[in-house]
Protein backbone atom coordinates (compact mmCIF):
# COMPACT_ATOMS: atom_id res chain seq x y z
CA MET A 1 86.87 125.73 87.26
CA VAL A 2 88.83 125.43 84.07
CA ASP A 3 88.20 128.19 81.55
CA THR A 4 86.97 126.20 78.50
CA THR A 5 87.41 129.20 76.22
CA LEU A 6 91.10 129.39 77.10
CA VAL A 7 91.53 125.65 76.55
CA ARG A 8 89.87 125.90 73.12
CA ASP A 9 92.12 128.80 72.17
CA VAL A 10 95.25 126.90 73.22
CA VAL A 11 94.23 123.71 71.40
CA GLY A 12 93.22 125.71 68.34
CA GLY A 13 96.55 127.53 68.34
CA GLU A 14 98.52 124.29 68.61
CA LEU A 15 96.43 122.73 65.83
CA ALA A 16 97.07 125.73 63.60
CA LEU A 17 100.82 125.49 64.23
CA MET A 18 100.74 121.78 63.45
CA ILE A 19 98.89 122.38 60.18
CA LEU A 20 101.37 125.13 59.29
CA ALA A 21 104.36 122.87 60.01
CA VAL A 22 102.93 120.04 57.89
CA THR A 23 102.18 122.48 55.07
CA VAL A 24 105.73 123.85 55.14
CA LEU A 25 107.19 120.34 55.08
CA LEU A 26 104.98 119.34 52.15
CA TRP A 27 105.92 122.45 50.18
CA HIS A 28 109.59 121.90 50.95
CA GLY A 29 109.41 118.29 49.81
CA LEU A 30 107.59 119.34 46.64
CA ALA A 31 110.21 122.00 45.93
CA LEU A 32 113.04 119.47 46.36
CA TRP A 33 111.29 117.00 44.08
CA LEU A 34 110.76 119.64 41.38
CA ARG A 35 114.38 120.80 41.65
CA GLU A 36 115.61 117.23 41.31
CA LEU A 37 113.32 116.69 38.34
CA ARG A 38 114.74 119.75 36.59
CA SER A 39 118.30 118.71 37.47
CA ARG A 40 118.18 115.20 36.00
CA PRO A 41 118.62 116.13 32.31
CA ARG A 42 121.42 118.57 33.19
CA LEU A 43 123.26 115.94 35.21
CA ALA A 44 122.75 113.35 32.50
CA ARG A 45 124.20 115.74 29.91
CA GLY A 46 127.09 116.55 32.26
CA ARG A 47 127.92 112.86 32.70
CA GLU A 48 127.95 112.38 28.94
CA ILE A 49 130.39 115.26 28.58
CA LEU A 50 132.71 113.98 31.32
CA ILE A 51 132.71 110.39 30.08
CA ALA A 52 133.48 111.56 26.54
CA ALA A 53 136.26 113.81 27.88
CA LEU A 54 137.77 110.94 29.89
CA GLN A 55 137.80 108.77 26.79
CA SER A 56 139.35 111.46 24.59
CA GLY A 57 141.65 112.90 27.28
CA SER A 58 140.39 116.49 27.13
CA LEU A 59 137.30 118.62 27.51
CA SER A 60 135.87 120.17 24.37
CA PRO A 61 135.30 123.96 24.47
CA GLN A 62 131.55 123.37 24.30
CA GLY A 63 131.68 120.81 27.10
CA LEU A 64 133.80 123.09 29.27
CA ALA A 65 131.37 125.96 28.74
CA TYR A 66 128.39 123.74 29.63
CA LEU A 67 129.99 122.48 32.86
CA ARG A 68 130.96 125.99 33.92
CA ARG A 69 127.35 127.11 33.53
CA LEU A 70 126.10 124.44 35.93
CA ALA A 71 125.24 125.60 39.44
CA PRO A 72 127.89 124.67 42.07
CA ARG A 73 125.43 122.24 43.65
CA LEU A 74 125.03 120.38 40.37
CA GLN A 75 128.76 120.43 39.65
CA ILE A 76 129.46 118.82 43.01
CA THR A 77 126.79 116.14 42.50
CA LEU A 78 128.07 115.45 38.99
CA TYR A 79 131.77 115.15 39.84
CA LEU A 80 131.18 113.10 42.99
CA SER A 81 128.95 110.62 41.16
CA VAL A 82 131.60 110.09 38.48
CA ALA A 83 134.63 110.13 40.83
CA ARG A 84 133.29 107.28 42.98
CA ASN A 85 133.75 104.90 40.04
CA LEU A 86 137.29 106.00 39.11
CA GLN A 87 140.78 105.25 40.40
CA GLY A 88 144.35 106.11 39.51
CA ASP A 89 144.98 108.07 36.30
CA TRP A 90 141.27 108.26 35.50
CA ARG A 91 140.55 110.09 38.73
CA GLY A 92 143.55 112.34 38.15
CA GLN A 93 142.14 113.26 34.75
CA LEU A 94 138.77 114.01 36.32
CA SER A 95 140.40 116.30 38.91
CA GLN A 96 142.00 118.24 36.03
CA PHE A 97 138.56 118.76 34.51
CA ALA A 98 137.28 119.93 37.91
CA THR A 99 140.16 122.40 38.03
CA GLN A 100 139.28 123.71 34.54
CA THR A 101 135.64 124.20 35.48
CA GLY A 102 136.56 126.07 38.68
CA LEU A 103 135.27 123.48 41.13
CA VAL A 104 138.66 122.79 42.72
CA ALA A 105 139.26 126.49 43.36
CA ARG A 106 135.80 126.76 44.93
CA ALA A 107 136.49 123.72 47.18
CA GLN A 108 139.82 125.19 48.30
CA LYS A 109 138.03 128.41 49.16
CA TRP A 110 135.52 126.46 51.24
CA CYS A 111 138.42 124.89 53.15
CA HIS A 112 139.27 128.38 54.46
CA SER A 113 135.69 129.22 55.42
CA ARG A 114 134.88 130.26 58.99
CA PHE A 115 131.95 127.81 58.93
CA TRP A 116 132.96 124.23 59.72
CA TRP A 117 130.37 122.69 57.39
CA ASN A 118 131.91 124.55 54.43
CA ARG A 119 135.39 123.40 55.41
CA LEU A 120 134.08 119.84 55.66
CA ARG A 121 132.42 120.09 52.25
CA GLY A 122 135.61 121.43 50.69
CA ALA A 123 137.82 118.74 52.24
CA ARG A 124 135.38 115.98 51.26
CA LEU A 125 135.22 117.17 47.65
CA LEU A 126 139.01 117.49 47.29
CA SER A 127 139.46 114.08 48.92
CA THR A 128 137.01 112.41 46.54
CA LEU A 129 138.69 114.02 43.55
CA GLY A 130 142.14 113.03 44.84
CA VAL A 131 143.46 116.60 44.74
CA SER A 132 146.58 117.43 46.73
CA SER A 133 146.58 120.79 48.51
CA ASP A 134 148.61 122.62 51.15
CA VAL A 135 145.41 123.21 53.09
CA GLY A 136 145.06 119.48 53.88
CA PRO A 137 147.66 119.34 56.69
CA LEU A 138 146.20 122.55 58.18
CA LEU A 139 142.73 121.00 58.46
CA LEU A 140 144.20 118.11 60.46
CA PHE A 141 144.19 120.52 63.41
CA ASP A 142 140.77 122.04 62.75
CA HIS A 143 138.73 122.74 65.87
CA HIS A 144 135.85 120.58 64.59
CA SER A 145 136.35 116.82 64.80
CA ALA A 146 134.40 116.01 61.62
CA VAL A 147 136.74 118.23 59.61
CA ARG A 148 139.80 116.59 61.20
CA VAL A 149 138.48 113.13 60.35
CA GLN A 150 137.89 114.10 56.72
CA ALA A 151 141.30 115.77 56.50
CA ALA A 152 143.00 112.64 57.85
CA GLU A 153 141.29 110.52 55.20
CA TRP A 154 142.16 113.06 52.51
CA THR A 155 145.83 113.46 53.38
CA SER A 156 146.44 109.70 53.64
CA GLU A 157 146.57 109.64 49.84
CA HIS A 158 149.25 112.33 49.83
CA PRO A 159 151.79 111.13 52.43
CA THR A 160 154.33 113.93 52.52
CA PRO A 161 156.70 114.14 55.54
CA VAL A 162 154.67 117.07 56.89
CA VAL A 163 151.44 115.06 56.65
CA VAL A 164 152.93 111.99 58.37
CA GLU A 165 154.34 114.07 61.24
CA SER A 166 151.04 115.93 61.63
CA LEU A 167 149.08 112.66 61.77
CA LEU A 168 151.46 111.27 64.40
CA ASP A 169 151.00 114.40 66.50
CA LEU A 170 147.24 113.76 66.44
CA LEU A 171 147.69 110.41 68.21
CA SER A 172 147.83 112.31 71.49
CA SER A 173 144.35 113.75 70.83
CA SER A 174 141.72 112.93 73.43
CA ASP A 175 139.11 112.67 70.67
CA THR A 176 138.66 108.94 70.01
CA LEU A 177 137.13 109.14 66.55
CA PRO A 178 139.89 111.21 64.90
CA ARG A 179 142.53 109.04 66.59
CA TYR A 180 141.08 105.90 65.02
CA THR A 181 140.91 107.66 61.64
CA VAL A 182 144.53 108.77 62.04
CA GLN A 183 145.59 105.19 62.77
CA ASP A 184 143.76 103.96 59.69
CA SER A 185 145.34 106.68 57.53
CA LEU A 186 148.86 105.84 58.71
CA LEU A 187 148.28 102.14 58.10
CA ARG A 188 147.15 102.86 54.55
CA MET A 189 150.32 104.88 53.94
CA GLY A 190 152.37 101.72 54.40
CA ARG A 191 156.16 102.02 54.24
CA THR A 192 156.00 105.82 53.94
CA ALA A 193 154.99 106.01 57.59
CA VAL A 194 157.51 103.46 58.92
CA GLN A 195 160.58 105.64 59.54
CA PRO A 196 158.68 108.60 61.10
CA LEU A 197 156.75 106.10 63.25
CA ALA A 198 159.97 104.45 64.45
CA GLU A 199 161.38 107.85 65.47
CA TYR A 200 158.09 108.75 67.14
CA LEU A 201 158.13 105.58 69.24
CA MET A 202 161.74 106.11 70.29
CA ASN A 203 161.18 109.73 71.35
CA ARG A 204 157.78 109.55 73.07
CA SER A 205 156.87 108.10 76.45
CA GLY A 206 153.29 109.28 77.06
CA PRO A 207 149.99 107.46 76.51
CA GLU A 208 150.11 108.33 72.80
CA VAL A 209 152.60 105.52 72.24
CA GLU A 210 149.83 102.93 72.71
CA PRO A 211 147.94 103.80 69.49
CA ALA A 212 151.32 104.23 67.78
CA LEU A 213 152.26 100.66 68.75
CA GLU A 214 148.96 99.43 67.30
CA ILE A 215 149.98 101.00 63.99
CA ALA A 216 153.45 99.44 64.25
CA ALA A 217 151.90 96.01 64.80
CA GLY A 218 149.71 96.52 61.72
CA LEU A 219 152.61 97.64 59.53
CA ALA A 220 154.85 94.82 60.86
CA ASP A 221 158.02 96.33 59.39
CA PRO A 222 161.31 94.94 60.82
CA SER A 223 162.75 98.45 61.23
CA LEU A 224 160.13 99.09 63.95
CA LEU A 225 161.47 96.29 66.16
CA PRO A 226 164.11 98.31 68.10
CA ALA A 227 161.52 100.89 69.15
CA ALA A 228 159.02 98.21 70.15
CA LEU A 229 161.65 96.33 72.18
CA HIS A 230 162.57 99.58 73.91
CA LEU A 231 158.95 100.07 75.01
CA CYS A 232 158.66 96.56 76.47
CA SER A 233 160.12 97.97 79.69
CA HIS A 234 157.84 101.02 79.78
CA PRO A 235 156.45 101.83 83.26
CA VAL A 236 152.84 101.91 82.00
CA PRO A 237 151.32 98.38 81.76
CA GLY A 238 149.15 99.27 78.78
CA VAL A 239 152.19 100.33 76.79
CA ARG A 240 154.06 97.14 77.68
CA ALA A 241 151.06 95.09 76.57
CA ARG A 242 150.91 96.89 73.21
CA ALA A 243 154.66 96.47 72.84
CA ALA A 244 154.32 92.72 73.41
CA GLU A 245 151.62 92.56 70.74
CA CYS A 246 153.85 94.54 68.38
CA ILE A 247 157.00 92.45 68.76
CA GLY A 248 154.82 89.37 68.42
CA ALA A 249 153.80 90.65 64.99
CA LEU A 250 157.43 91.42 64.08
CA GLY A 251 159.07 88.23 65.38
CA GLY A 252 162.74 87.39 65.65
CA THR A 253 164.98 85.76 68.26
CA GLU A 254 165.30 88.88 70.37
CA ALA A 255 161.53 89.39 70.34
CA VAL A 256 160.92 85.82 71.51
CA ASP A 257 163.42 86.17 74.37
CA ILE A 258 161.71 89.35 75.57
CA LEU A 259 158.25 87.78 75.31
CA VAL A 260 159.30 84.82 77.46
CA LYS A 261 160.55 87.27 80.10
CA MET A 262 157.30 89.22 79.89
CA LEU A 263 155.39 86.10 80.92
CA ALA A 264 156.54 86.99 84.44
CA ASP A 265 155.39 90.63 84.27
CA ASP A 266 153.52 92.01 87.29
CA GLU A 267 150.53 93.03 85.13
CA PRO A 268 148.13 90.25 83.98
CA ARG A 269 147.34 92.04 80.73
CA VAL A 270 151.01 92.08 79.79
CA ARG A 271 151.44 88.41 80.62
CA ALA A 272 148.37 87.56 78.53
CA GLU A 273 149.62 89.54 75.51
CA ALA A 274 153.05 87.92 75.77
CA ALA A 275 151.50 84.44 75.85
CA GLY A 276 149.27 85.22 72.88
CA ALA A 277 152.22 86.62 70.92
CA LEU A 278 154.29 83.48 71.50
CA GLY A 279 151.39 81.41 70.26
CA ARG A 280 151.04 83.50 67.10
CA LEU A 281 154.77 83.09 66.47
CA HIS A 282 154.40 79.27 66.82
CA HIS A 283 157.55 79.22 68.96
CA TRP A 284 157.40 75.66 70.30
CA PRO A 285 160.53 75.96 72.56
CA SER A 286 158.48 78.36 74.73
CA ALA A 287 156.06 75.55 75.64
CA THR A 288 157.65 75.08 79.05
CA ALA A 289 157.38 78.77 79.92
CA LEU A 290 153.77 78.82 78.74
CA ALA A 291 152.99 75.72 80.80
CA ALA A 292 154.01 77.61 83.93
CA ARG A 293 151.28 80.18 83.15
CA LEU A 294 148.50 77.58 83.16
CA GLY A 295 148.28 78.05 86.90
CA ASP A 296 148.41 81.85 86.76
CA ALA A 297 146.19 83.78 89.18
CA SER A 298 144.57 85.56 86.22
CA TRP A 299 141.98 83.65 84.17
CA LEU A 300 142.89 85.72 81.09
CA VAL A 301 146.55 84.73 81.34
CA ARG A 302 145.67 81.06 81.84
CA ARG A 303 143.42 81.11 78.81
CA GLU A 304 145.95 82.84 76.53
CA ALA A 305 148.70 80.48 77.66
CA ALA A 306 146.53 77.43 76.98
CA LEU A 307 145.45 78.71 73.56
CA ALA A 308 149.07 79.48 72.71
CA LEU A 309 150.08 75.94 73.67
CA ARG A 310 147.37 74.54 71.45
CA THR A 311 148.71 76.47 68.45
CA LEU A 312 152.19 74.95 68.97
CA GLY A 313 151.02 71.60 67.67
CA ALA A 314 152.29 68.34 69.19
CA PRO A 315 154.58 69.90 71.85
CA GLY A 316 151.79 72.14 73.13
CA GLN A 317 149.20 69.38 73.02
CA LEU A 318 151.49 67.18 75.11
CA VAL A 319 151.88 69.90 77.74
CA LEU A 320 148.12 70.43 77.91
CA ARG A 321 147.43 66.70 78.34
CA ARG A 322 149.99 66.47 81.12
CA ALA A 323 148.31 69.44 82.82
CA LEU A 324 145.06 67.46 83.04
CA SER A 325 146.53 65.47 85.93
CA SER A 326 148.13 68.51 87.59
CA SER A 327 147.50 69.12 91.29
CA ASP A 328 146.85 72.77 90.38
CA ARG A 329 143.10 72.80 89.68
CA PHE A 330 143.43 76.08 87.75
CA ALA A 331 145.90 74.51 85.33
CA ALA A 332 143.91 71.28 85.03
CA ASP A 333 140.58 73.07 84.42
CA MET A 334 142.02 75.39 81.78
CA ALA A 335 143.79 72.54 79.98
CA ARG A 336 140.52 70.60 79.90
CA GLN A 337 138.57 73.60 78.55
CA ILE A 338 141.03 74.23 75.73
CA LEU A 339 141.42 70.58 74.77
CA ASP A 340 137.64 70.24 74.59
CA LEU A 341 137.26 73.17 72.19
CA PRO A 342 136.34 72.41 68.55
CA ARG A 343 139.32 72.27 66.25
CA THR A 344 138.20 75.40 64.39
CA HIS A 345 137.96 77.57 67.54
CA GLY A 346 139.81 80.85 67.19
CA GLY A 347 141.08 79.90 63.74
CA ILE A 348 142.91 76.82 65.08
CA SER A 349 142.71 73.84 62.78
């Protein structure tokens, strides 16, 4: 038989623990609410001081003394709330005030902490304030991914040669999230990243060139074309496909010639990217080469070739209509599908 006394003791113990946990949560919530209530007038006064200082160009001695007396938690909340609404010289002025009040020095100290959450907090604060620091490139190689992501976002606003090279080195990282952040940071750097990226593409041959080619396609700078053309003959199909996408974004006679040749690549993905690139370039003389792909063994290639023909206007439309009576049922079916699409499909008008 079950010992009812033992069951009551167990249930009673669990109920007591539950009551204790709820009580602790309630007290914690109450404490946070009271702390926020006490903080509101201090933050409001701090905002008034900062706004007045931004308008006048300098902090008054009384305002500086007041901000220095604020707890670090309140200083961070105050500066972050103001910084989110500022850009350019205004944010630079705010970062000077943060330096005067000691917040920048505290954030830089956090960036050297042995605890990753402190390093993240420091990097996030310096990034929001737009402060440049030598510690930024070091945090790009932090052992915690969240810190690396924040560092990549931070350093994108300060594109020194060291920063650009460090970001490019991170493209070989197996961590997907930081790699995407690195790509975004390099794209936002614009022309500053073009020359280092071109050298990177010419000197690398591993899988890291794929995300680098995505960046090159986004930047679409003509000086990247030689490197992209060089990678069109890469032994890895994925790299060739990215290279086709890239030279399609760059354009030019040499790029078109290579794309037409890539329509005969052994890998379906490469053939599909080449067809799509020719369509985006609106290169109507390639209509004949694209027509030959309507009967491709790969559905993806057939579809991209047909869509590319449709973007070529009258020459492509003529090829598609002729394919309707083709003895190749693959070509005829794909031509019919694309011709029956609404005119707005895929951005085609």
